[in-house]
Every structure is written in structure tokens, then in C-alpha cells.
PDB file of N, CA and C in Angstrom:
ATOM      1  N   MET A   1      24.143 -78.568  34.258  1.00  0.00           N
ATOM      2  CA  MET A   1      25.554 -78.580  34.011  1.00  0.00           C
ATOM      3  C   MET A   1      26.280 -78.421  35.336  1.00  0.00           C
ATOM      4  N   THR A   2      27.253 -79.267  35.572  1.00  0.00           N
ATOM      5  CA  THR A   2      27.991 -79.165  36.819  1.00  0.00           C
ATOM      6  C   THR A   2      29.028 -78.064  36.725  1.00  0.00           C
ATOM      7  N   GLY A   3      29.516 -77.639  37.867  1.00  0.00           N
ATOM      8  CA  GLY A   3      30.502 -76.571  37.906  1.00  0.00           C
ATOM      9  C   GLY A   3      31.744 -76.889  37.103  1.00  0.00           C
ATOM     10  N   SER A   4      32.163 -78.163  37.075  1.00  0.00           N
ATOM     11  CA  SER A   4      33.373 -78.533  36.351  1.00  0.00           C
ATOM     12  C   SER A   4      33.170 -78.516  34.843  1.00  0.00           C
ATOM     13  N   ASP A   5      31.936 -78.645  34.375  1.00  0.00           N
ATOM     14  CA  ASP A   5      31.651 -78.630  32.946  1.00  0.00           C
ATOM     15  C   ASP A   5      31.411 -77.228  32.411  1.00  0.00           C
ATOM     16  N   GLU A   6      31.212 -76.271  33.298  1.00  0.00           N
ATOM     17  CA  GLU A   6      30.857 -74.923  32.887  1.00  0.00           C
ATOM     18  C   GLU A   6      32.084 -74.134  32.439  1.00  0.00           C
ATOM     19  N   ASP A   7      31.917 -73.382  31.373  1.00  0.00           N
ATOM     20  CA  ASP A   7      32.946 -72.479  30.878  1.00  0.00           C
ATOM     21  C   ASP A   7      33.171 -71.411  31.951  1.00  0.00           C
ATOM     22  N   SER A   8      34.404 -71.240  32.374  1.00  0.00           N
ATOM     23  CA  SER A   8      34.700 -70.277  33.435  1.00  0.00           C
ATOM     24  C   SER A   8      34.371 -68.850  33.015  1.00  0.00           C
ATOM     25  N   ARG A   9      34.431 -68.557  31.719  1.00  0.00           N
ATOM     26  CA  ARG A   9      34.068 -67.220  31.240  1.00  0.00           C
ATOM     27  C   ARG A   9      32.587 -66.955  31.464  1.00  0.00           C
ATOM     28  N   VAL A  10      31.772 -67.954  31.234  1.00  0.00           N
ATOM     29  CA  VAL A  10      30.330 -67.822  31.426  1.00  0.00           C
ATOM     30  C   VAL A  10      30.018 -67.638  32.904  1.00  0.00           C
ATOM     31  N   ALA A  11      30.703 -68.396  33.743  1.00  0.00           N
ATOM     32  CA  ALA A  11      30.497 -68.258  35.194  1.00  0.00           C
ATOM     33  C   ALA A  11      30.880 -66.852  35.647  1.00  0.00           C
ATOM     34  N   GLU A  12      31.968 -66.335  35.139  1.00  0.00           N
ATOM     35  CA  GLU A  12      32.415 -64.980  35.492  1.00  0.00           C
ATOM     36  C   GLU A  12      31.406 -63.936  35.006  1.00  0.00           C
ATOM     37  N   LEU A  13      30.896 -64.128  33.807  1.00  0.00           N
ATOM     38  CA  LEU A  13      29.889 -63.215  33.268  1.00  0.00           C
ATOM     39  C   LEU A  13      28.632 -63.242  34.130  1.00  0.00           C
ATOM     40  N   ARG A  14      28.179 -64.432  34.479  1.00  0.00           N
ATOM     41  CA  ARG A  14      26.979 -64.571  35.299  1.00  0.00           C
ATOM     42  C   ARG A  14      27.156 -63.866  36.648  1.00  0.00           C
ATOM     43  N   THR A  15      28.300 -64.050  37.271  1.00  0.00           N
ATOM     44  CA  THR A  15      28.588 -63.426  38.565  1.00  0.00           C
ATOM     45  C   THR A  15      28.618 -61.904  38.455  1.00  0.00           C
ATOM     46  N   ALA A  16      29.302 -61.405  37.438  1.00  0.00           N
ATOM     47  CA  ALA A  16      29.425 -59.958  37.256  1.00  0.00           C
ATOM     48  C   ALA A  16      28.077 -59.309  36.967  1.00  0.00           C
ATOM     49  N   VAL A  17      27.292 -59.941  36.115  1.00  0.00           N
ATOM     50  CA  VAL A  17      25.972 -59.397  35.769  1.00  0.00           C
ATOM     51  C   VAL A  17      25.069 -59.409  36.995  1.00  0.00           C
ATOM     52  N   SER A  18      25.103 -60.488  37.742  1.00  0.00           N
ATOM     53  CA  SER A  18      24.278 -60.581  38.944  1.00  0.00           C
ATOM     54  C   SER A  18      24.635 -59.481  39.942  1.00  0.00           C
ATOM     55  N   ARG A  19      25.917 -59.258  40.116  1.00  0.00           N
ATOM     56  CA  ARG A  19      26.362 -58.205  41.045  1.00  0.00           C
ATOM     57  C   ARG A  19      25.866 -56.833  40.597  1.00  0.00           C
ATOM     58  N   LEU A  20      26.065 -56.514  39.325  1.00  0.00           N
ATOM     59  CA  LEU A  20      25.661 -55.193  38.846  1.00  0.00           C
ATOM     60  C   LEU A  20      24.143 -55.033  38.876  1.00  0.00           C
ATOM     61  N   ARG A  21      23.407 -56.088  38.606  1.00  0.00           N
ATOM     62  CA  ARG A  21      21.940 -56.004  38.698  1.00  0.00           C
ATOM     63  C   ARG A  21      21.503 -55.682  40.120  1.00  0.00           C
ATOM     64  N   ARG A  22      22.128 -56.342  41.106  1.00  0.00           N
ATOM     65  CA  ARG A  22      21.802 -56.067  42.517  1.00  0.00           C
ATOM     66  C   ARG A  22      22.157 -54.635  42.886  1.00  0.00           C
ATOM     67  N   GLU A  23      23.330 -54.190  42.462  1.00  0.00           N
ATOM     68  CA  GLU A  23      23.760 -52.825  42.779  1.00  0.00           C
ATOM     69  C   GLU A  23      22.843 -51.796  42.133  1.00  0.00           C
ATOM     70  N   LEU A  24      22.443 -52.047  40.904  1.00  0.00           N
ATOM     71  CA  LEU A  24      21.543 -51.120  40.211  1.00  0.00           C
ATOM     72  C   LEU A  24      20.178 -51.097  40.891  1.00  0.00           C
ATOM     73  N   ALA A  25      19.688 -52.253  41.285  1.00  0.00           N
ATOM     74  CA  ALA A  25      18.390 -52.312  41.958  1.00  0.00           C
ATOM     75  C   ALA A  25      18.417 -51.571  43.297  1.00  0.00           C
ATOM     76  N   ALA A  26      19.542 -51.609  43.972  1.00  0.00           N
ATOM     77  CA  ALA A  26      19.664 -50.950  45.273  1.00  0.00           C
ATOM     78  C   ALA A  26      19.997 -49.471  45.164  1.00  0.00           C
ATOM     79  N   HIS A  27      20.405 -49.033  43.983  1.00  0.00           N
ATOM     80  CA  HIS A  27      20.797 -47.625  43.814  1.00  0.00           C
ATOM     81  C   HIS A  27      19.552 -46.733  43.874  1.00  0.00           C
ATOM     82  N   PRO A  28      19.540 -45.766  44.791  1.00  0.00           N
ATOM     83  CA  PRO A  28      18.328 -44.976  45.009  1.00  0.00           C
ATOM     84  C   PRO A  28      18.009 -43.947  43.923  1.00  0.00           C
ATOM     85  N   ALA A  29      19.006 -43.478  43.229  1.00  0.00           N
ATOM     86  CA  ALA A  29      18.769 -42.408  42.252  1.00  0.00           C
ATOM     87  C   ALA A  29      18.156 -42.949  40.966  1.00  0.00           C
ATOM     88  N   GLU A  30      17.216 -42.198  40.465  1.00  0.00           N
ATOM     89  CA  GLU A  30      16.659 -42.498  39.152  1.00  0.00           C
ATOM     90  C   GLU A  30      17.465 -41.710  38.130  1.00  0.00           C
ATOM     91  N   PHE A  31      17.651 -42.283  36.972  1.00  0.00           N
ATOM     92  CA  PHE A  31      18.313 -41.581  35.887  1.00  0.00           C
ATOM     93  C   PHE A  31      17.654 -42.006  34.583  1.00  0.00           C
ATOM     94  N   PRO A  32      17.747 -41.162  33.550  1.00  0.00           N
ATOM     95  CA  PRO A  32      16.935 -41.354  32.342  1.00  0.00           C
ATOM     96  C   PRO A  32      17.081 -42.718  31.663  1.00  0.00           C
ATOM     97  N   ASP A  33      18.275 -43.292  31.663  1.00  0.00           N
ATOM     98  CA  ASP A  33      18.496 -44.530  30.915  1.00  0.00           C
ATOM     99  C   ASP A  33      18.556 -45.778  31.794  1.00  0.00           C
ATOM    100  N   ARG A  34      18.027 -45.679  32.989  1.00  0.00           N
ATOM    101  CA  ARG A  34      18.062 -46.814  33.914  1.00  0.00           C
ATOM    102  C   ARG A  34      17.371 -48.046  33.322  1.00  0.00           C
ATOM    103  N   ALA A  35      16.250 -47.857  32.672  1.00  0.00           N
ATOM    104  CA  ALA A  35      15.512 -48.988  32.085  1.00  0.00           C
ATOM    105  C   ALA A  35      16.339 -49.689  31.005  1.00  0.00           C
ATOM    106  N   ILE A  36      17.102 -48.920  30.254  1.00  0.00           N
ATOM    107  CA  ILE A  36      17.969 -49.513  29.230  1.00  0.00           C
ATOM    108  C   ILE A  36      19.009 -50.405  29.894  1.00  0.00           C
ATOM    109  N   ALA A  37      19.633 -49.905  30.946  1.00  0.00           N
ATOM    110  CA  ALA A  37      20.636 -50.695  31.661  1.00  0.00           C
ATOM    111  C   ALA A  37      20.015 -51.972  32.224  1.00  0.00           C
ATOM    112  N   GLU A  38      18.834 -51.854  32.822  1.00  0.00           N
ATOM    113  CA  GLU A  38      18.167 -53.032  33.385  1.00  0.00           C
ATOM    114  C   GLU A  38      17.832 -54.050  32.302  1.00  0.00           C
ATOM    115  N   ASP A  39      17.329 -53.578  31.156  1.00  0.00           N
ATOM    116  CA  ASP A  39      16.993 -54.485  30.049  1.00  0.00           C
ATOM    117  C   ASP A  39      18.223 -55.201  29.509  1.00  0.00           C
ATOM    118  N   GLU A  40      19.308 -54.462  29.338  1.00  0.00           N
ATOM    119  CA  GLU A  40      20.517 -55.072  28.791  1.00  0.00           C
ATOM    120  C   GLU A  40      21.176 -56.015  29.783  1.00  0.00           C
ATOM    121  N   LEU A  41      21.109 -55.696  31.063  1.00  0.00           N
ATOM    122  CA  LEU A  41      21.618 -56.633  32.064  1.00  0.00           C
ATOM    123  C   LEU A  41      20.796 -57.916  32.068  1.00  0.00           C
ATOM    124  N   ALA A  42      19.497 -57.794  31.882  1.00  0.00           N
ATOM    125  CA  ALA A  42      18.641 -58.986  31.780  1.00  0.00           C
ATOM    126  C   ALA A  42      19.027 -59.803  30.548  1.00  0.00           C
ATOM    127  N   ALA A  43      19.329 -59.126  29.452  1.00  0.00           N
ATOM    128  CA  ALA A  43      19.747 -59.830  28.235  1.00  0.00           C
ATOM    129  C   ALA A  43      21.073 -60.557  28.460  1.00  0.00           C
ATOM    130  N   LEU A  44      22.016 -59.901  29.131  1.00  0.00           N
ATOM    131  CA  LEU A  44      23.292 -60.559  29.438  1.00  0.00           C
ATOM    132  C   LEU A  44      23.087 -61.765  30.347  1.00  0.00           C
ATOM    133  N   ALA A  45      22.219 -61.620  31.328  1.00  0.00           N
ATOM    134  CA  ALA A  45      21.934 -62.735  32.238  1.00  0.00           C
ATOM    135  C   ALA A  45      21.347 -63.913  31.465  1.00  0.00           C
ATOM    136  N   ALA A  46      20.455 -63.628  30.538  1.00  0.00           N
ATOM    137  CA  ALA A  46      19.856 -64.693  29.726  1.00  0.00           C
ATOM    138  C   ALA A  46      20.914 -65.377  28.855  1.00  0.00           C
ATOM    139  N   MET A  47      21.825 -64.592  28.292  1.00  0.00           N
ATOM    140  CA  MET A  47      22.897 -65.187  27.476  1.00  0.00           C
ATOM    141  C   MET A  47      23.803 -66.067  28.331  1.00  0.00           C
ATOM    142  N   ALA A  48      24.057 -65.665  29.555  1.00  0.00           N
ATOM    143  CA  ALA A  48      24.910 -66.453  30.442  1.00  0.00           C
ATOM    144  C   ALA A  48      24.244 -67.772  30.819  1.00  0.00           C
ATOM    145  N   VAL A  49      22.926 -67.779  30.892  1.00  0.00           N
ATOM    146  CA  VAL A  49      22.203 -69.008  31.230  1.00  0.00           C
ATOM    147  C   VAL A  49      22.336 -70.032  30.103  1.00  0.00           C
ATOM    148  N   THR A  50      22.313 -69.569  28.855  1.00  0.00           N
ATOM    149  CA  THR A  50      22.426 -70.491  27.726  1.00  0.00           C
ATOM    150  C   THR A  50      23.802 -71.114  27.650  1.00  0.00           C
ATOM    151  N   GLY A  51      24.811 -70.423  28.184  1.00  0.00           N
ATOM    152  CA  GLY A  51      26.160 -70.966  28.193  1.00  0.00           C
ATOM    153  C   GLY A  51      26.962 -70.725  26.939  1.00  0.00           C
ATOM    154  N   ALA A  52      26.358 -70.104  25.914  1.00  0.00           N
ATOM    155  CA  ALA A  52      27.073 -69.857  24.662  1.00  0.00           C
ATOM    156  C   ALA A  52      26.744 -68.470  24.128  1.00  0.00           C
ATOM    157  N   PRO A  53      27.151 -67.432  24.846  1.00  0.00           N
ATOM    158  CA  PRO A  53      26.824 -66.080  24.401  1.00  0.00           C
ATOM    159  C   PRO A  53      27.577 -65.689  23.130  1.00  0.00           C
ATOM    160  N   GLU A  54      26.946 -64.870  22.324  1.00  0.00           N
ATOM    161  CA  GLU A  54      27.555 -64.369  21.095  1.00  0.00           C
ATOM    162  C   GLU A  54      28.344 -63.113  21.425  1.00  0.00           C
ATOM    163  N   THR A  55      29.608 -63.093  21.055  1.00  0.00           N
ATOM    164  CA  THR A  55      30.496 -61.983  21.400  1.00  0.00           C
ATOM    165  C   THR A  55      29.987 -60.634  20.905  1.00  0.00           C
ATOM    166  N   PRO A  56      29.541 -60.513  19.645  1.00  0.00           N
ATOM    167  CA  PRO A  56      29.042 -59.194  19.208  1.00  0.00           C
ATOM    168  C   PRO A  56      27.853 -58.705  20.037  1.00  0.00           C
ATOM    169  N   ARG A  57      26.978 -59.610  20.422  1.00  0.00           N
ATOM    170  CA  ARG A  57      25.814 -59.233  21.224  1.00  0.00           C
ATOM    171  C   ARG A  57      26.240 -58.840  22.636  1.00  0.00           C
ATOM    172  N   LEU A  58      27.223 -59.556  23.198  1.00  0.00           N
ATOM    173  CA  LEU A  58      27.748 -59.194  24.509  1.00  0.00           C
ATOM    174  C   LEU A  58      28.299 -57.772  24.489  1.00  0.00           C
ATOM    175  N   ARG A  59      29.083 -57.488  23.476  1.00  0.00           N
ATOM    176  CA  ARG A  59      29.712 -56.164  23.383  1.00  0.00           C
ATOM    177  C   ARG A  59      28.680 -55.066  23.161  1.00  0.00           C
ATOM    178  N   ARG A  60      27.662 -55.357  22.375  1.00  0.00           N
ATOM    179  CA  ARG A  60      26.606 -54.366  22.154  1.00  0.00           C
ATOM    180  C   ARG A  60      25.896 -54.052  23.467  1.00  0.00           C
ATOM    181  N   SER A  61      25.565 -55.088  24.215  1.00  0.00           N
ATOM    182  CA  SER A  61      24.910 -54.887  25.509  1.00  0.00           C
ATOM    183  C   SER A  61      25.808 -54.102  26.451  1.00  0.00           C
ATOM    184  N   LEU A  62      27.093 -54.428  26.468  1.00  0.00           N
ATOM    185  CA  LEU A  62      28.032 -53.714  27.327  1.00  0.00           C
ATOM    186  C   LEU A  62      28.063 -52.227  26.975  1.00  0.00           C
ATOM    187  N   LEU A  63      28.098 -51.912  25.702  1.00  0.00           N
ATOM    188  CA  LEU A  63      28.111 -50.499  25.291  1.00  0.00           C
ATOM    189  C   LEU A  63      26.844 -49.775  25.730  1.00  0.00           C
ATOM    190  N   LEU A  64      25.712 -50.430  25.586  1.00  0.00           N
ATOM    191  CA  LEU A  64      24.457 -49.812  26.011  1.00  0.00           C
ATOM    192  C   LEU A  64      24.411 -49.605  27.526  1.00  0.00           C
ATOM    193  N   ILE A  65      24.885 -50.589  28.264  1.00  0.00           N
ATOM    194  CA  ILE A  65      24.908 -50.471  29.724  1.00  0.00           C
ATOM    195  C   ILE A  65      25.863 -49.358  30.142  1.00  0.00           C
ATOM    196  N   ALA A  66      27.043 -49.338  29.556  1.00  0.00           N
ATOM    197  CA  ALA A  66      28.022 -48.307  29.898  1.00  0.00           C
ATOM    198  C   ALA A  66      27.483 -46.918  29.575  1.00  0.00           C
ATOM    199  N   GLY A  67      26.809 -46.784  28.450  1.00  0.00           N
ATOM    200  CA  GLY A  67      26.222 -45.497  28.097  1.00  0.00           C
ATOM    201  C   GLY A  67      25.106 -45.096  29.040  1.00  0.00           C
ATOM    202  N   ALA A  68      24.384 -46.084  29.535  1.00  0.00           N
ATOM    203  CA  ALA A  68      23.240 -45.806  30.408  1.00  0.00           C
ATOM    204  C   ALA A  68      23.657 -45.461  31.838  1.00  0.00           C
ATOM    205  N   ILE A  69      24.692 -46.130  32.351  1.00  0.00           N
ATOM    206  CA  ILE A  69      25.051 -45.911  33.759  1.00  0.00           C
ATOM    207  C   ILE A  69      26.475 -45.419  33.941  1.00  0.00           C
ATOM    208  N   GLY A  70      27.150 -45.115  32.866  1.00  0.00           N
ATOM    209  CA  GLY A  70      28.553 -44.731  32.938  1.00  0.00           C
ATOM    210  C   GLY A  70      28.842 -43.550  33.829  1.00  0.00           C
ATOM    211  N   SER A  71      27.909 -42.655  33.983  1.00  0.00           N
ATOM    212  CA  SER A  71      28.156 -41.466  34.807  1.00  0.00           C
ATOM    213  C   SER A  71      27.777 -41.672  36.278  1.00  0.00           C
ATOM    214  N   VAL A  72      27.267 -42.830  36.621  1.00  0.00           N
ATOM    215  CA  VAL A  72      26.892 -43.119  38.012  1.00  0.00           C
ATOM    216  C   VAL A  72      28.100 -43.794  38.678  1.00  0.00           C
ATOM    217  N   SER A  73      28.900 -42.993  39.363  1.00  0.00           N
ATOM    218  CA  SER A  73      30.169 -43.488  39.892  1.00  0.00           C
ATOM    219  C   SER A  73      30.003 -44.637  40.890  1.00  0.00           C
ATOM    220  N   ALA A  74      28.910 -44.679  41.595  1.00  0.00           N
ATOM    221  CA  ALA A  74      28.685 -45.754  42.572  1.00  0.00           C
ATOM    222  C   ALA A  74      28.581 -47.114  41.892  1.00  0.00           C
ATOM    223  N   LEU A  75      28.216 -47.132  40.621  1.00  0.00           N
ATOM    224  CA  LEU A  75      28.063 -48.390  39.894  1.00  0.00           C
ATOM    225  C   LEU A  75      29.302 -48.749  39.075  1.00  0.00           C
ATOM    226  N   SER A  76      30.310 -47.917  39.129  1.00  0.00           N
ATOM    227  CA  SER A  76      31.516 -48.108  38.332  1.00  0.00           C
ATOM    228  C   SER A  76      32.238 -49.434  38.586  1.00  0.00           C
ATOM    229  N   PRO A  77      32.442 -49.850  39.838  1.00  0.00           N
ATOM    230  CA  PRO A  77      33.127 -51.135  40.054  1.00  0.00           C
ATOM    231  C   PRO A  77      32.367 -52.322  39.451  1.00  0.00           C
ATOM    232  N   GLY A  78      31.062 -52.330  39.592  1.00  0.00           N
ATOM    233  CA  GLY A  78      30.265 -53.409  39.007  1.00  0.00           C
ATOM    234  C   GLY A  78      30.305 -53.393  37.496  1.00  0.00           C
ATOM    235  N   LEU A  79      30.272 -52.202  36.916  1.00  0.00           N
ATOM    236  CA  LEU A  79      30.355 -52.068  35.458  1.00  0.00           C
ATOM    237  C   LEU A  79      31.717 -52.552  34.962  1.00  0.00           C
ATOM    238  N   THR A  80      32.756 -52.239  35.700  1.00  0.00           N
ATOM    239  CA  THR A  80      34.098 -52.700  35.323  1.00  0.00           C
ATOM    240  C   THR A  80      34.179 -54.219  35.351  1.00  0.00           C
ATOM    241  N   GLN A  81      33.553 -54.829  36.348  1.00  0.00           N
ATOM    242  CA  GLN A  81      33.556 -56.293  36.438  1.00  0.00           C
ATOM    243  C   GLN A  81      32.815 -56.907  35.248  1.00  0.00           C
ATOM    244  N   VAL A  82      31.701 -56.312  34.838  1.00  0.00           N
ATOM    245  CA  VAL A  82      30.966 -56.811  33.670  1.00  0.00           C
ATOM    246  C   VAL A  82      31.826 -56.645  32.420  1.00  0.00           C
ATOM    247  N   ARG A  83      32.448 -55.477  32.275  1.00  0.00           N
ATOM    248  CA  ARG A  83      33.309 -55.243  31.111  1.00  0.00           C
ATOM    249  C   ARG A  83      34.425 -56.276  31.049  1.00  0.00           C
ATOM    250  N   ASP A  84      35.072 -56.536  32.176  1.00  0.00           N
ATOM    251  CA  ASP A  84      36.153 -57.521  32.207  1.00  0.00           C
ATOM    252  C   ASP A  84      35.646 -58.906  31.818  1.00  0.00           C
ATOM    253  N   ALA A  85      34.450 -59.265  32.269  1.00  0.00           N
ATOM    254  CA  ALA A  85      33.873 -60.567  31.929  1.00  0.00           C
ATOM    255  C   ALA A  85      33.557 -60.657  30.442  1.00  0.00           C
ATOM    256  N   VAL A  86      33.021 -59.590  29.869  1.00  0.00           N
ATOM    257  CA  VAL A  86      32.696 -59.577  28.434  1.00  0.00           C
ATOM    258  C   VAL A  86      33.980 -59.670  27.614  1.00  0.00           C
ATOM    259  N   GLU A  87      35.022 -58.997  28.051  1.00  0.00           N
ATOM    260  CA  GLU A  87      36.277 -59.006  27.305  1.00  0.00           C
ATOM    261  C   GLU A  87      36.953 -60.363  27.282  1.00  0.00           C
ATOM    262  N   MET A  88      36.554 -61.262  28.153  1.00  0.00           N
ATOM    263  CA  MET A  88      37.118 -62.607  28.135  1.00  0.00           C
ATOM    264  C   MET A  88      36.629 -63.402  26.928  1.00  0.00           C
ATOM    265  N   PHE A  89      35.574 -62.943  26.292  1.00  0.00           N
ATOM    266  CA  PHE A  89      35.038 -63.591  25.108  1.00  0.00           C
ATOM    267  C   PHE A  89      35.652 -62.932  23.877  1.00  0.00           C
ATOM    268  N   GLY A  90      35.915 -63.712  22.888  1.00  0.00           N
ATOM    269  CA  GLY A  90      36.436 -63.135  21.649  1.00  0.00           C
ATOM    270  C   GLY A  90      37.931 -62.897  21.707  1.00  0.00           C
ATOM    271  N   GLU A  91      38.380 -62.147  20.724  1.00  0.00           N
ATOM    272  CA  GLU A  91      39.796 -61.892  20.576  1.00  0.00           C
ATOM    273  C   GLU A  91      40.254 -60.730  21.450  1.00  0.00           C
ATOM    274  N   PRO A  92      41.514 -60.776  21.887  1.00  0.00           N
ATOM    275  CA  PRO A  92      42.035 -59.668  22.682  1.00  0.00           C
ATOM    276  C   PRO A  92      42.067 -58.375  21.868  1.00  0.00           C
ATOM    277  N   ARG A  93      41.893 -57.268  22.580  1.00  0.00           N
ATOM    278  CA  ARG A  93      41.962 -55.966  21.919  1.00  0.00           C
ATOM    279  C   ARG A  93      43.401 -55.621  21.589  1.00  0.00           C
ATOM    280  N   ARG A  94      43.567 -54.791  20.571  1.00  0.00           N
ATOM    281  CA  ARG A  94      44.908 -54.335  20.193  1.00  0.00           C
ATOM    282  C   ARG A  94      45.296 -53.124  20.954  1.00  0.00           C
TER     283      ARG A  94
END
């Protein structure tokens, strides 16, 4: 698929997930739910590759990732970028 044919939301999701995966891999501290965050980021990356992610699944993964790394302040900007990308799918929040 060429860049012009790609859904910009999917491209944004792919970029955000890639960034957070790199940041998580480089983060030196171990924490109990790190594996959960890594697994869910891999799931998001796989959904972005297909080009047609399911909104409920995106949101579920986001919640799991946020719960797993939410207290690691160094990863907060990357998590925010993923959240913003996920929110582009589906209906706006009230």
C-alpha cells in the first residue's frame, strides 16, 4: 500500500506504537507488568499492519498498556501519543 492510500489514523497508530515500543525497550527499570505492556504493544503493531484495526480491541489494549506502564513517568509522553492515536478511531468521547 502506498503512503497516499494509507489511512492516516493507521499511520499515526503505527508511529506511536513504534515509538513507545522503542522507549519501553530502552527503559532500564523492570516492573511487574512490563510483559503485559510489551504484548499489548505487539498486538497494536499487528493491528496497524493489517490496516483495519477494531476500535474495541484498540481500546482494550490501550487500557492494558496504561495500567501496565502508567506509573512510569518516563514513558508518559509515548503513552499519550498512543492514546491520542487510538482515540482517532471510533466516535469522539463525550
